[in-house]
């Protein structure tokens, strides 16, 4: 259940994929994804999804490149250890993962919160 909505319908699954896709985009592209998601709030909530199914884009390649660079730096600094612990690579990995996860969860939480409020105001 996502803020009171069942998560097992084709429409809800596609919405979840689109929200995740928007959350993974770079900040400068998230506005467009957010606008598309807000536009879909006004559509009737049918069982089958009737919107655009664009959940894979070339913009995601930029995010993948950033993640690859992070892995490269972790590998590069992984050999420098302090008492047999890869100190620098641990900080790089932990910091980057924390920021990335925080960005995604905030975007997703705000969307479902907004949708919940929108549905409450409509009823």
PDB file of N, CA and C in Angstrom:
ATOM      1  N   UNK A   1       0.841  -1.180   0.000  1.00  0.00           N
ATOM      2  CA  UNK A   1       0.000   0.000   0.000  1.00  0.00           C
ATOM      3  C   UNK A   1       0.887   1.244   0.000  1.00  0.00           C
ATOM      4  N   UNK A   2       0.634   2.143  -0.922  1.00  0.00           N
ATOM      5  CA  UNK A   2       1.417   3.359  -1.060  1.00  0.00           C
ATOM      6  C   UNK A   2       0.531   4.556  -0.712  1.00  0.00           C
ATOM      7  N   UNK A   3       0.642   5.050   0.519  1.00  0.00           N
ATOM      8  CA  UNK A   3      -0.200   6.146   0.979  1.00  0.00           C
ATOM      9  C   UNK A   3      -1.674   5.835   0.741  1.00  0.00           C
ATOM     10  N   UNK A   4      -2.090   4.608   0.995  1.00  0.00           N
ATOM     11  CA  UNK A   4      -3.479   4.228   0.865  1.00  0.00           C
ATOM     12  C   UNK A   4      -3.867   3.673  -0.488  1.00  0.00           C
ATOM     13  N   UNK A   5      -2.972   3.628  -1.455  1.00  0.00           N
ATOM     14  CA  UNK A   5      -3.279   3.089  -2.775  1.00  0.00           C
ATOM     15  C   UNK A   5      -2.708   1.679  -2.896  1.00  0.00           C
ATOM     16  N   UNK A   6      -3.487   0.750  -3.461  1.00  0.00           N
ATOM     17  CA  UNK A   6      -2.931  -0.602  -3.643  1.00  0.00           C
ATOM     18  C   UNK A   6      -1.805  -0.569  -4.669  1.00  0.00           C
ATOM     19  N   UNK A   7      -0.746  -1.292  -4.409  1.00  0.00           N
ATOM     20  CA  UNK A   7       0.428  -1.249  -5.285  1.00  0.00           C
ATOM     21  C   UNK A   7       0.518  -2.385  -6.277  1.00  0.00           C
ATOM     22  N   UNK A   8      -0.582  -3.108  -6.512  1.00  0.00           N
ATOM     23  CA  UNK A   8      -0.495  -4.289  -7.365  1.00  0.00           C
ATOM     24  C   UNK A   8      -1.280  -4.168  -8.671  1.00  0.00           C
ATOM     25  N   UNK A   9      -1.707  -2.993  -9.063  1.00  0.00           N
ATOM     26  CA  UNK A   9      -2.403  -2.826 -10.334  1.00  0.00           C
ATOM     27  C   UNK A   9      -1.404  -2.383 -11.400  1.00  0.00           C
ATOM     28  N   UNK A  10      -1.689  -2.658 -12.667  1.00  0.00           N
ATOM     29  CA  UNK A  10      -0.768  -2.206 -13.723  1.00  0.00           C
ATOM     30  C   UNK A  10      -0.536  -0.689 -13.707  1.00  0.00           C
ATOM     31  N   UNK A  11      -1.582   0.078 -13.420  1.00  0.00           N
ATOM     32  CA  UNK A  11      -1.428   1.532 -13.361  1.00  0.00           C
ATOM     33  C   UNK A  11      -0.479   1.934 -12.241  1.00  0.00           C
ATOM     34  N   UNK A  12      -0.639   1.327 -11.080  1.00  0.00           N
ATOM     35  CA  UNK A  12       0.202   1.683  -9.938  1.00  0.00           C
ATOM     36  C   UNK A  12       1.641   1.241 -10.144  1.00  0.00           C
ATOM     37  N   UNK A  13       1.837   0.108 -10.780  1.00  0.00           N
ATOM     38  CA  UNK A  13       3.196  -0.359 -11.060  1.00  0.00           C
ATOM     39  C   UNK A  13       3.892   0.593 -12.034  1.00  0.00           C
ATOM     40  N   UNK A  14       3.182   1.013 -13.077  1.00  0.00           N
ATOM     41  CA  UNK A  14       3.779   1.946 -14.039  1.00  0.00           C
ATOM     42  C   UNK A  14       4.044   3.297 -13.383  1.00  0.00           C
ATOM     43  N   UNK A  15       3.144   3.745 -12.529  1.00  0.00           N
ATOM     44  CA  UNK A  15       3.360   5.005 -11.816  1.00  0.00           C
ATOM     45  C   UNK A  15       4.599   4.905 -10.936  1.00  0.00           C
ATOM     46  N   UNK A  16       4.749   3.789 -10.237  1.00  0.00           N
ATOM     47  CA  UNK A  16       5.925   3.602  -9.378  1.00  0.00           C
ATOM     48  C   UNK A  16       7.208   3.612 -10.203  1.00  0.00           C
ATOM     49  N   UNK A  17       7.184   2.983 -11.365  1.00  0.00           N
ATOM     50  CA  UNK A  17       8.366   2.996 -12.241  1.00  0.00           C
ATOM     51  C   UNK A  17       8.684   4.410 -12.719  1.00  0.00           C
ATOM     52  N   UNK A  18       7.649   5.165 -13.071  1.00  0.00           N
ATOM     53  CA  UNK A  18       7.871   6.533 -13.544  1.00  0.00           C
ATOM     54  C   UNK A  18       8.384   7.433 -12.422  1.00  0.00           C
ATOM     55  N   UNK A  19       7.897   7.220 -11.211  1.00  0.00           N
ATOM     56  CA  UNK A  19       8.377   8.005 -10.069  1.00  0.00           C
ATOM     57  C   UNK A  19       9.840   7.669  -9.803  1.00  0.00           C
ATOM     58  N   UNK A  20      10.183   6.390  -9.820  1.00  0.00           N
ATOM     59  CA  UNK A  20      11.581   5.984  -9.612  1.00  0.00           C
ATOM     60  C   UNK A  20      12.473   6.543 -10.710  1.00  0.00           C
ATOM     61  N   UNK A  21      12.007   6.485 -11.953  1.00  0.00           N
ATOM     62  CA  UNK A  21      12.770   7.039 -13.070  1.00  0.00           C
ATOM     63  C   UNK A  21      13.013   8.536 -12.862  1.00  0.00           C
ATOM     64  N   UNK A  22      11.974   9.266 -12.486  1.00  0.00           N
ATOM     65  CA  UNK A  22      12.124  10.706 -12.245  1.00  0.00           C
ATOM     66  C   UNK A  22      13.075  11.001 -11.102  1.00  0.00           C
ATOM     67  N   UNK A  23      13.024  10.170 -10.070  1.00  0.00           N
ATOM     68  CA  UNK A  23      13.902  10.370  -8.915  1.00  0.00           C
ATOM     69  C   UNK A  23      15.362  10.122  -9.260  1.00  0.00           C
ATOM     70  N   UNK A  24      15.618   9.225 -10.204  1.00  0.00           N
ATOM     71  CA  UNK A  24      16.998   8.889 -10.574  1.00  0.00           C
ATOM     72  C   UNK A  24      17.616   9.901 -11.533  1.00  0.00           C
ATOM     73  N   UNK A  25      16.809  10.743 -12.132  1.00  0.00           N
ATOM     74  CA  UNK A  25      17.335  11.722 -13.086  1.00  0.00           C
ATOM     75  C   UNK A  25      18.173  12.778 -12.386  1.00  0.00           C
ATOM     76  N   UNK A  26      19.087  13.424 -13.110  1.00  0.00           N
ATOM     77  CA  UNK A  26      19.820  14.545 -12.539  1.00  0.00           C
ATOM     78  C   UNK A  26      18.854  15.673 -12.159  1.00  0.00           C
ATOM     79  N   UNK A  27      19.224  16.491 -11.188  1.00  0.00           N
ATOM     80  CA  UNK A  27      18.358  17.563 -10.671  1.00  0.00           C
ATOM     81  C   UNK A  27      17.784  18.436 -11.777  1.00  0.00           C
ATOM     82  N   UNK A  28      18.589  18.775 -12.769  1.00  0.00           N
ATOM     83  CA  UNK A  28      18.127  19.703 -13.804  1.00  0.00           C
ATOM     84  C   UNK A  28      17.026  19.103 -14.683  1.00  0.00           C
ATOM     85  N   UNK A  29      16.891  17.777 -14.678  1.00  0.00           N
ATOM     86  CA  UNK A  29      15.870  17.114 -15.486  1.00  0.00           C
ATOM     87  C   UNK A  29      14.680  16.629 -14.661  1.00  0.00           C
ATOM     88  N   UNK A  30      14.782  16.726 -13.355  1.00  0.00           N
ATOM     89  CA  UNK A  30      13.707  16.246 -12.512  1.00  0.00           C
ATOM     90  C   UNK A  30      12.448  17.098 -12.630  1.00  0.00           C
ATOM     91  N   UNK A  31      12.587  18.361 -12.945  1.00  0.00           N
ATOM     92  CA  UNK A  31      11.420  19.238 -13.066  1.00  0.00           C
ATOM     93  C   UNK A  31      10.467  18.771 -14.145  1.00  0.00           C
ATOM     94  N   UNK A  32      11.000  18.366 -15.278  1.00  0.00           N
ATOM     95  CA  UNK A  32      10.164  17.880 -16.373  1.00  0.00           C
ATOM     96  C   UNK A  32       9.458  16.584 -15.972  1.00  0.00           C
ATOM     97  N   UNK A  33      10.183  15.681 -15.332  1.00  0.00           N
ATOM     98  CA  UNK A  33       9.586  14.425 -14.885  1.00  0.00           C
ATOM     99  C   UNK A  33       8.503  14.690 -13.845  1.00  0.00           C
ATOM    100  N   UNK A  34       8.757  15.643 -12.954  1.00  0.00           N
ATOM    101  CA  UNK A  34       7.774  16.000 -11.927  1.00  0.00           C
ATOM    102  C   UNK A  34       6.507  16.565 -12.575  1.00  0.00           C
ATOM    103  N   UNK A  35       6.676  17.425 -13.564  1.00  0.00           N
ATOM    104  CA  UNK A  35       5.528  18.011 -14.257  1.00  0.00           C
ATOM    105  C   UNK A  35       4.692  16.930 -14.938  1.00  0.00           C
ATOM    106  N   UNK A  36       5.337  15.943 -15.551  1.00  0.00           N
ATOM    107  CA  UNK A  36       4.610  14.844 -16.188  1.00  0.00           C
ATOM    108  C   UNK A  36       3.850  14.020 -15.152  1.00  0.00           C
ATOM    109  N   UNK A  37       4.468  13.786 -14.006  1.00  0.00           N
ATOM    110  CA  UNK A  37       3.789  13.031 -12.953  1.00  0.00           C
ATOM    111  C   UNK A  37       2.590  13.806 -12.407  1.00  0.00           C
ATOM    112  N   UNK A  38       2.733  15.111 -12.250  1.00  0.00           N
ATOM    113  CA  UNK A  38       1.621  15.934 -11.760  1.00  0.00           C
ATOM    114  C   UNK A  38       0.481  15.974 -12.780  1.00  0.00           C
ATOM    115  N   UNK A  39       0.836  15.948 -14.054  1.00  0.00           N
ATOM    116  CA  UNK A  39      -0.180  15.922 -15.109  1.00  0.00           C
ATOM    117  C   UNK A  39      -0.984  14.623 -15.046  1.00  0.00           C
ATOM    118  N   UNK A  40      -0.318  13.540 -14.729  1.00  0.00           N
ATOM    119  CA  UNK A  40      -0.995  12.252 -14.652  1.00  0.00           C
ATOM    120  C   UNK A  40      -1.932  12.154 -13.456  1.00  0.00           C
ATOM    121  N   UNK A  41      -1.752  12.996 -12.447  1.00  0.00           N
ATOM    122  CA  UNK A  41      -2.654  12.966 -11.300  1.00  0.00           C
ATOM    123  C   UNK A  41      -4.082  13.300 -11.714  1.00  0.00           C
ATOM    124  N   UNK A  42      -4.227  14.149 -12.719  1.00  0.00           N
ATOM    125  CA  UNK A  42      -5.545  14.551 -13.172  1.00  0.00           C
ATOM    126  C   UNK A  42      -6.263  13.513 -14.013  1.00  0.00           C
ATOM    127  N   UNK A  43      -5.553  12.500 -14.465  1.00  0.00           N
ATOM    128  CA  UNK A  43      -6.175  11.459 -15.288  1.00  0.00           C
ATOM    129  C   UNK A  43      -6.982  10.512 -14.415  1.00  0.00           C
ATOM    130  N   UNK A  44      -8.024   9.916 -15.003  1.00  0.00           N
ATOM    131  CA  UNK A  44      -8.785   8.934 -14.218  1.00  0.00           C
ATOM    132  C   UNK A  44      -7.913   7.730 -13.869  1.00  0.00           C
ATOM    133  N   UNK A  45      -8.122   7.188 -12.693  1.00  0.00           N
ATOM    134  CA  UNK A  45      -7.309   6.081 -12.194  1.00  0.00           C
ATOM    135  C   UNK A  45      -7.930   4.762 -12.629  1.00  0.00           C
ATOM    136  N   UNK A  46      -7.649   4.340 -13.850  1.00  0.00           N
ATOM    137  CA  UNK A  46      -8.148   3.080 -14.379  1.00  0.00           C
ATOM    138  C   UNK A  46      -7.250   1.935 -13.930  1.00  0.00           C
ATOM    139  N   UNK A  47      -7.743   0.729 -14.092  1.00  0.00           N
ATOM    140  CA  UNK A  47      -6.962  -0.444 -13.714  1.00  0.00           C
ATOM    141  C   UNK A  47      -5.737  -0.590 -14.612  1.00  0.00           C
ATOM    142  N   UNK A  48      -5.943  -0.441 -15.933  1.00  0.00           N
ATOM    143  CA  UNK A  48      -4.834  -0.530 -16.874  1.00  0.00           C
ATOM    144  C   UNK A  48      -4.265   0.850 -17.147  1.00  0.00           C
ATOM    145  N   UNK A  49      -2.971   0.935 -17.288  1.00  0.00           N
ATOM    146  CA  UNK A  49      -2.291   2.213 -17.496  1.00  0.00           C
ATOM    147  C   UNK A  49      -2.537   2.719 -18.911  1.00  0.00           C
ATOM    148  N   UNK A  50      -2.885   4.005 -19.036  1.00  0.00           N
ATOM    149  CA  UNK A  50      -3.206   4.570 -20.339  1.00  0.00           C
ATOM    150  C   UNK A  50      -2.343   5.773 -20.703  1.00  0.00           C
ATOM    151  N   UNK A  51      -1.289   6.023 -19.958  1.00  0.00           N
ATOM    152  CA  UNK A  51      -0.418   7.160 -20.246  1.00  0.00           C
ATOM    153  C   UNK A  51       0.783   6.753 -21.071  1.00  0.00           C
ATOM    154  N   UNK A  52       1.765   7.664 -21.133  1.00  0.00           N
ATOM    155  CA  UNK A  52       3.004   7.358 -21.851  1.00  0.00           C
ATOM    156  C   UNK A  52       3.875   6.462 -20.975  1.00  0.00           C
ATOM    157  N   UNK A  53       4.556   5.541 -21.601  1.00  0.00           N
ATOM    158  CA  UNK A  53       5.347   4.557 -20.859  1.00  0.00           C
ATOM    159  C   UNK A  53       6.838   4.824 -20.990  1.00  0.00           C
ATOM    160  N   UNK A  54       7.246   6.046 -20.866  1.00  0.00           N
ATOM    161  CA  UNK A  54       8.649   6.415 -21.014  1.00  0.00           C
ATOM    162  C   UNK A  54       9.345   6.310 -19.659  1.00  0.00           C
ATOM    163  N   UNK A  55       9.920   5.148 -19.366  1.00  0.00           N
ATOM    164  CA  UNK A  55      10.635   4.972 -18.100  1.00  0.00           C
ATOM    165  C   UNK A  55      12.120   4.710 -18.308  1.00  0.00           C
ATOM    166  N   UNK A  56      12.567   4.629 -19.539  1.00  0.00           N
ATOM    167  CA  UNK A  56      13.987   4.466 -19.840  1.00  0.00           C
ATOM    168  C   UNK A  56      14.367   5.579 -20.811  1.00  0.00           C
ATOM    169  N   UNK A  57      15.395   6.326 -20.473  1.00  0.00           N
ATOM    170  CA  UNK A  57      15.776   7.440 -21.326  1.00  0.00           C
ATOM    171  C   UNK A  57      17.291   7.573 -21.363  1.00  0.00           C
ATOM    172  N   UNK A  58      17.746   8.384 -22.294  1.00  0.00           N
ATOM    173  CA  UNK A  58      19.190   8.591 -22.424  1.00  0.00           C
ATOM    174  C   UNK A  58      19.739   9.390 -21.243  1.00  0.00           C
ATOM    175  N   UNK A  59      18.864  10.134 -20.558  1.00  0.00           N
ATOM    176  CA  UNK A  59      19.321  10.905 -19.402  1.00  0.00           C
ATOM    177  C   UNK A  59      19.784  10.000 -18.263  1.00  0.00           C
ATOM    178  N   UNK A  60      19.219   8.807 -18.205  1.00  0.00           N
ATOM    179  CA  UNK A  60      19.616   7.870 -17.157  1.00  0.00           C
ATOM    180  C   UNK A  60      21.068   7.430 -17.361  1.00  0.00           C
ATOM    181  N   UNK A  61      21.553   7.505 -18.594  1.00  0.00           N
ATOM    182  CA  UNK A  61      22.955   7.151 -18.865  1.00  0.00           C
ATOM    183  C   UNK A  61      23.901   8.057 -18.090  1.00  0.00           C
ATOM    184  N   UNK A  62      23.517   9.314 -17.903  1.00  0.00           N
ATOM    185  CA  UNK A  62      24.343  10.240 -17.118  1.00  0.00           C
ATOM    186  C   UNK A  62      24.454   9.768 -15.674  1.00  0.00           C
ATOM    187  N   UNK A  63      23.350   9.305 -15.118  1.00  0.00           N
ATOM    188  CA  UNK A  63      23.351   8.800 -13.750  1.00  0.00           C
ATOM    189  C   UNK A  63      24.220   7.550 -13.665  1.00  0.00           C
ATOM    190  N   UNK A  64      24.111   6.689 -14.660  1.00  0.00           N
ATOM    191  CA  UNK A  64      24.929   5.474 -14.676  1.00  0.00           C
ATOM    192  C   UNK A  64      26.414   5.813 -14.777  1.00  0.00           C
ATOM    193  N   UNK A  65      26.740   6.844 -15.534  1.00  0.00           N
ATOM    194  CA  UNK A  65      28.128   7.285 -15.639  1.00  0.00           C
ATOM    195  C   UNK A  65      28.633   7.784 -14.290  1.00  0.00           C
ATOM    196  N   UNK A  66      27.809   8.531 -13.578  1.00  0.00           N
ATOM    197  CA  UNK A  66      28.199   9.013 -12.252  1.00  0.00           C
ATOM    198  C   UNK A  66      28.442   7.839 -11.301  1.00  0.00           C
ATOM    199  N   UNK A  67      27.566   6.839 -11.352  1.00  0.00           N
ATOM    200  CA  UNK A  67      27.737   5.677 -10.492  1.00  0.00           C
ATOM    201  C   UNK A  67      29.002   4.897 -10.859  1.00  0.00           C
ATOM    202  N   UNK A  68      29.300   4.830 -12.150  1.00  0.00           N
ATOM    203  CA  UNK A  68      30.515   4.153 -12.593  1.00  0.00           C
ATOM    204  C   UNK A  68      31.758   4.906 -12.118  1.00  0.00           C
ATOM    205  N   UNK A  69      31.711   6.232 -12.184  1.00  0.00           N
ATOM    206  CA  UNK A  69      32.842   7.028 -11.690  1.00  0.00           C
ATOM    207  C   UNK A  69      33.027   6.821 -10.192  1.00  0.00           C
ATOM    208  N   UNK A  70      31.932   6.738  -9.461  1.00  0.00           N
ATOM    209  CA  UNK A  70      32.023   6.489  -8.024  1.00  0.00           C
ATOM    210  C   UNK A  70      32.711   5.153  -7.773  1.00  0.00           C
ATOM    211  N   UNK A  71      32.312   4.125  -8.519  1.00  0.00           N
ATOM    212  CA  UNK A  71      32.934   2.808  -8.347  1.00  0.00           C
ATOM    213  C   UNK A  71      34.423   2.845  -8.708  1.00  0.00           C
ATOM    214  N   UNK A  72      34.783   3.629  -9.724  1.00  0.00           N
ATOM    215  CA  UNK A  72      36.185   3.759 -10.108  1.00  0.00           C
ATOM    216  C   UNK A  72      36.995   4.375  -8.973  1.00  0.00           C
ATOM    217  N   UNK A  73      36.464   5.447  -8.355  1.00  0.00           N
ATOM    218  CA  UNK A  73      37.199   6.081  -7.257  1.00  0.00           C
ATOM    219  C   UNK A  73      37.293   5.161  -6.040  1.00  0.00           C
ATOM    220  N   UNK A  74      36.249   4.399  -5.787  1.00  0.00           N
ATOM    221  CA  UNK A  74      36.318   3.444  -4.691  1.00  0.00           C
ATOM    222  C   UNK A  74      37.404   2.407  -4.966  1.00  0.00           C
ATOM    223  N   UNK A  75      37.449   1.916  -6.201  1.00  0.00           N
ATOM    224  CA  UNK A  75      38.478   0.946  -6.578  1.00  0.00           C
ATOM    225  C   UNK A  75      39.865   1.566  -6.499  1.00  0.00           C
ATOM    226  N   UNK A  76      39.989   2.816  -6.971  1.00  0.00           N
ATOM    227  CA  UNK A  76      41.276   3.496  -6.989  1.00  0.00           C
ATOM    228  C   UNK A  76      41.834   3.690  -5.582  1.00  0.00           C
ATOM    229  N   UNK A  77      40.966   4.122  -4.654  1.00  0.00           N
ATOM    230  CA  UNK A  77      41.428   4.389  -3.298  1.00  0.00           C
ATOM    231  C   UNK A  77      41.287   3.181  -2.373  1.00  0.00           C
ATOM    232  N   UNK A  78      40.747   2.090  -2.886  1.00  0.00           N
ATOM    233  CA  UNK A  78      40.546   0.897  -2.062  1.00  0.00           C
ATOM    234  C   UNK A  78      41.833   0.240  -1.621  1.00  0.00           C
ATOM    235  N   UNK A  79      42.905   0.511  -2.327  1.00  0.00           N
ATOM    236  CA  UNK A  79      44.179  -0.113  -1.979  1.00  0.00           C
ATOM    237  C   UNK A  79      44.880   0.608  -0.830  1.00  0.00           C
ATOM    238  N   UNK A  80      44.491   1.861  -0.582  1.00  0.00           N
ATOM    239  CA  UNK A  80      45.083   2.607   0.529  1.00  0.00           C
ATOM    240  C   UNK A  80      44.304   2.253   1.797  1.00  0.00           C
ATOM    241  N   UNK A  81      44.960   1.571   2.706  1.00  0.00           N
ATOM    242  CA  UNK A  81      44.269   1.093   3.896  1.00  0.00           C
ATOM    243  C   UNK A  81      44.858   1.685   5.154  1.00  0.00           C
ATOM    244  N   UNK A  82      44.043   1.678   6.182  1.00  0.00           N
ATOM    245  CA  UNK A  82      44.462   2.078   7.523  1.00  0.00           C
ATOM    246  C   UNK A  82      44.051   0.942   8.446  1.00  0.00           C
ATOM    247  N   UNK A  83      45.018   0.234   8.976  1.00  0.00           N
ATOM    248  CA  UNK A  83      44.775  -0.955   9.801  1.00  0.00           C
ATOM    249  C   UNK A  83      43.899  -1.957   9.062  1.00  0.00           C
ATOM    250  N   UNK A  84      44.273  -2.219   7.819  1.00  0.00           N
ATOM    251  CA  UNK A  84      43.616  -3.188   6.936  1.00  0.00           C
ATOM    252  C   UNK A  84      42.180  -2.813   6.573  1.00  0.00           C
ATOM    253  N   UNK A  85      41.840  -1.544   6.695  1.00  0.00           N
ATOM    254  CA  UNK A  85      40.505  -1.087   6.283  1.00  0.00           C
ATOM    255  C   UNK A  85      40.680  -0.035   5.193  1.00  0.00           C
ATOM    256  N   UNK A  86      39.980  -0.175   4.068  1.00  0.00           N
ATOM    257  CA  UNK A  86      40.083   0.827   2.984  1.00  0.00           C
ATOM    258  C   UNK A  86      39.348   2.113   3.380  1.00  0.00           C
ATOM    259  N   UNK A  87      40.040   2.949   4.113  1.00  0.00           N
ATOM    260  CA  UNK A  87      39.463   4.114   4.762  1.00  0.00           C
ATOM    261  C   UNK A  87      38.848   5.118   3.776  1.00  0.00           C
ATOM    262  N   UNK A  88      39.617   5.566   2.813  1.00  0.00           N
ATOM    263  CA  UNK A  88      39.145   6.598   1.877  1.00  0.00           C
ATOM    264  C   UNK A  88      37.988   6.078   1.031  1.00  0.00           C
ATOM    265  N   UNK A  89      38.121   4.858   0.529  1.00  0.00           N
ATOM    266  CA  UNK A  89      37.062   4.317  -0.325  1.00  0.00           C
ATOM    267  C   UNK A  89      35.763   4.109   0.453  1.00  0.00           C
ATOM    268  N   UNK A  90      35.871   3.804   1.741  1.00  0.00           N
ATOM    269  CA  UNK A  90      34.671   3.663   2.555  1.00  0.00           C
ATOM    270  C   UNK A  90      33.932   4.997   2.647  1.00  0.00           C
ATOM    271  N   UNK A  91      34.672   6.080   2.842  1.00  0.00           N
ATOM    272  CA  UNK A  91      34.031   7.393   2.936  1.00  0.00           C
ATOM    273  C   UNK A  91      33.427   7.832   1.605  1.00  0.00           C
ATOM    274  N   UNK A  92      34.132   7.567   0.529  1.00  0.00           N
ATOM    275  CA  UNK A  92      33.597   7.928  -0.792  1.00  0.00           C
ATOM    276  C   UNK A  92      32.305   7.156  -1.063  1.00  0.00           C
ATOM    277  N   UNK A  93      32.331   5.859  -0.852  1.00  0.00           N
ATOM    278  CA  UNK A  93      31.158   5.031  -1.100  1.00  0.00           C
ATOM    279  C   UNK A  93      29.994   5.376  -0.198  1.00  0.00           C
ATOM    280  N   UNK A  94      30.262   5.524   1.091  1.00  0.00           N
ATOM    281  CA  UNK A  94      29.188   5.823   2.036  1.00  0.00           C
ATOM    282  C   UNK A  94      28.572   7.188   1.758  1.00  0.00           C
ATOM    283  N   UNK A  95      29.413   8.184   1.506  1.00  0.00           N
ATOM    284  CA  UNK A  95      28.893   9.530   1.239  1.00  0.00           C
ATOM    285  C   UNK A  95      28.082   9.593  -0.040  1.00  0.00           C
ATOM    286  N   UNK A  96      28.591   8.994  -1.095  1.00  0.00           N
ATOM    287  CA  UNK A  96      27.886   9.024  -2.377  1.00  0.00           C
ATOM    288  C   UNK A  96      26.583   8.239  -2.299  1.00  0.00           C
ATOM    289  N   UNK A  97      26.603   7.075  -1.662  1.00  0.00           N
ATOM    290  CA  UNK A  97      25.381   6.281  -1.541  1.00  0.00           C
ATOM    291  C   UNK A  97      24.336   6.990  -0.690  1.00  0.00           C
ATOM    292  N   UNK A  98      24.775   7.635   0.374  1.00  0.00           N
ATOM    293  CA  UNK A  98      23.833   8.355   1.230  1.00  0.00           C
ATOM    294  C   UNK A  98      23.156   9.480   0.458  1.00  0.00           C
ATOM    295  N   UNK A  99      23.935  10.286  -0.249  1.00  0.00           N
ATOM    296  CA  UNK A  99      23.362  11.405  -0.995  1.00  0.00           C
ATOM    297  C   UNK A  99      22.417  10.925  -2.095  1.00  0.00           C
ATOM    298  N   UNK A 100      22.791   9.887  -2.802  1.00  0.00           N
ATOM    299  CA  UNK A 100      21.973   9.357  -3.891  1.00  0.00           C
ATOM    300  C   UNK A 100      20.659   8.785  -3.347  1.00  0.00           C
ATOM    301  N   UNK A 101      20.754   8.009  -2.280  1.00  0.00           N
ATOM    302  CA  UNK A 101      19.559   7.426  -1.678  1.00  0.00           C
ATOM    303  C   UNK A 101      18.647   8.505  -1.108  1.00  0.00           C
ATOM    304  N   UNK A 102      19.218   9.504  -0.492  1.00  0.00           N
ATOM    305  CA  UNK A 102      18.423  10.594   0.078  1.00  0.00           C
ATOM    306  C   UNK A 102      17.674  11.341  -1.026  1.00  0.00           C
ATOM    307  N   UNK A 103      18.346  11.608  -2.139  1.00  0.00           N
ATOM    308  CA  UNK A 103      17.717  12.311  -3.265  1.00  0.00           C
ATOM    309  C   UNK A 103      16.528  11.520  -3.796  1.00  0.00           C
ATOM    310  N   UNK A 104      16.712  10.228  -3.963  1.00  0.00           N
ATOM    311  CA  UNK A 104      15.652   9.385  -4.508  1.00  0.00           C
ATOM    312  C   UNK A 104      14.477   9.281  -3.539  1.00  0.00           C
ATOM    313  N   UNK A 105      14.749   9.015  -2.284  1.00  0.00           N
ATOM    314  CA  UNK A 105      13.652   8.842  -1.327  1.00  0.00           C
ATOM    315  C   UNK A 105      12.875  10.133  -1.109  1.00  0.00           C
ATOM    316  N   UNK A 106      13.541  11.283  -1.126  1.00  0.00           N
ATOM    317  CA  UNK A 106      12.823  12.552  -0.971  1.00  0.00           C
ATOM    318  C   UNK A 106      11.883  12.801  -2.146  1.00  0.00           C
ATOM    319  N   UNK A 107      12.347  12.545  -3.356  1.00  0.00           N
ATOM    320  CA  UNK A 107      11.518  12.729  -4.545  1.00  0.00           C
ATOM    321  C   UNK A 107      10.291  11.825  -4.480  1.00  0.00           C
ATOM    322  N   UNK A 108      10.515  10.548  -4.171  1.00  0.00           N
ATOM    323  CA  UNK A 108       9.423   9.580  -4.129  1.00  0.00           C
ATOM    324  C   UNK A 108       8.435   9.932  -3.021  1.00  0.00           C
ATOM    325  N   UNK A 109       8.943  10.268  -1.847  1.00  0.00           N
ATOM    326  CA  UNK A 109       8.069  10.614  -0.727  1.00  0.00           C
ATOM    327  C   UNK A 109       7.221  11.838  -1.054  1.00  0.00           C
ATOM    328  N   UNK A 110       7.822  12.847  -1.660  1.00  0.00           N
ATOM    329  CA  UNK A 110       7.071  14.058  -2.011  1.00  0.00           C
ATOM    330  C   UNK A 110       5.986  13.767  -3.035  1.00  0.00           C
ATOM    331  N   UNK A 111       6.277  12.883  -4.011  1.00  0.00           N
ATOM    332  CA  UNK A 111       5.266  12.559  -5.005  1.00  0.00           C
ATOM    333  C   UNK A 111       4.071  11.874  -4.361  1.00  0.00           C
ATOM    334  N   UNK A 112       4.322  10.820  -3.587  1.00  0.00           N
ATOM    335  CA  UNK A 112       3.208  10.083  -2.997  1.00  0.00           C
ATOM    336  C   UNK A 112       2.463  10.919  -1.967  1.00  0.00           C
ATOM    337  N   UNK A 113       3.148  11.786  -1.287  1.00  0.00           N
ATOM    338  CA  UNK A 113       2.492  12.707  -0.359  1.00  0.00           C
ATOM    339  C   UNK A 113       1.579  13.668  -1.132  1.00  0.00           C
ATOM    340  N   UNK A 114       2.082  14.213  -2.223  1.00  0.00           N
ATOM    341  CA  UNK A 114       1.294  15.133  -3.045  1.00  0.00           C
ATOM    342  C   UNK A 114       0.087  14.424  -3.639  1.00  0.00           C
ATOM    343  N   UNK A 115       0.287  13.203  -4.113  1.00  0.00           N
ATOM    344  CA  UNK A 115      -0.824  12.454  -4.690  1.00  0.00           C
ATOM    345  C   UNK A 115      -1.890  12.156  -3.644  1.00  0.00           C
ATOM    346  N   UNK A 116      -1.467  11.795  -2.449  1.00  0.00           N
ATOM    347  CA  UNK A 116      -2.406  11.524  -1.363  1.00  0.00           C
ATOM    348  C   UNK A 116      -3.240  12.752  -1.049  1.00  0.00           C
ATOM    349  N   UNK A 117      -2.586  13.899  -0.944  1.00  0.00           N
ATOM    350  CA  UNK A 117      -3.313  15.138  -0.661  1.00  0.00           C
ATOM    351  C   UNK A 117      -4.246  15.508  -1.813  1.00  0.00           C
ATOM    352  N   UNK A 118      -3.793  15.313  -3.023  1.00  0.00           N
ATOM    353  CA  UNK A 118      -4.618  15.604  -4.206  1.00  0.00           C
ATOM    354  C   UNK A 118      -5.888  14.740  -4.198  1.00  0.00           C
ATOM    355  N   UNK A 119      -5.712  13.463  -3.930  1.00  0.00           N
ATOM    356  CA  UNK A 119      -6.871  12.556  -3.889  1.00  0.00           C
ATOM    357  C   UNK A 119      -7.813  12.900  -2.760  1.00  0.00           C
ATOM    358  N   UNK A 120      -7.291  13.326  -1.617  1.00  0.00           N
ATOM    359  CA  UNK A 120      -8.143  13.727  -0.492  1.00  0.00           C
ATOM    360  C   UNK A 120      -8.945  14.973  -0.837  1.00  0.00           C
ATOM    361  N   UNK A 121      -8.323  15.912  -1.543  1.00  0.00           N
ATOM    362  CA  UNK A 121      -9.038  17.132  -1.923  1.00  0.00           C
ATOM    363  C   UNK A 121     -10.084  16.863  -2.995  1.00  0.00           C
ATOM    364  N   UNK A 122      -9.851  15.864  -3.841  1.00  0.00           N
ATOM    365  CA  UNK A 122     -10.804  15.533  -4.907  1.00  0.00           C
ATOM    366  C   UNK A 122     -12.051  14.837  -4.365  1.00  0.00           C
ATOM    367  N   UNK A 123     -11.924  14.156  -3.233  1.00  0.00           N
ATOM    368  CA  UNK A 123     -13.085  13.423  -2.707  1.00  0.00           C
ATOM    369  C   UNK A 123     -13.837  14.201  -1.657  1.00  0.00           C
TER     370      UNK A 123
END
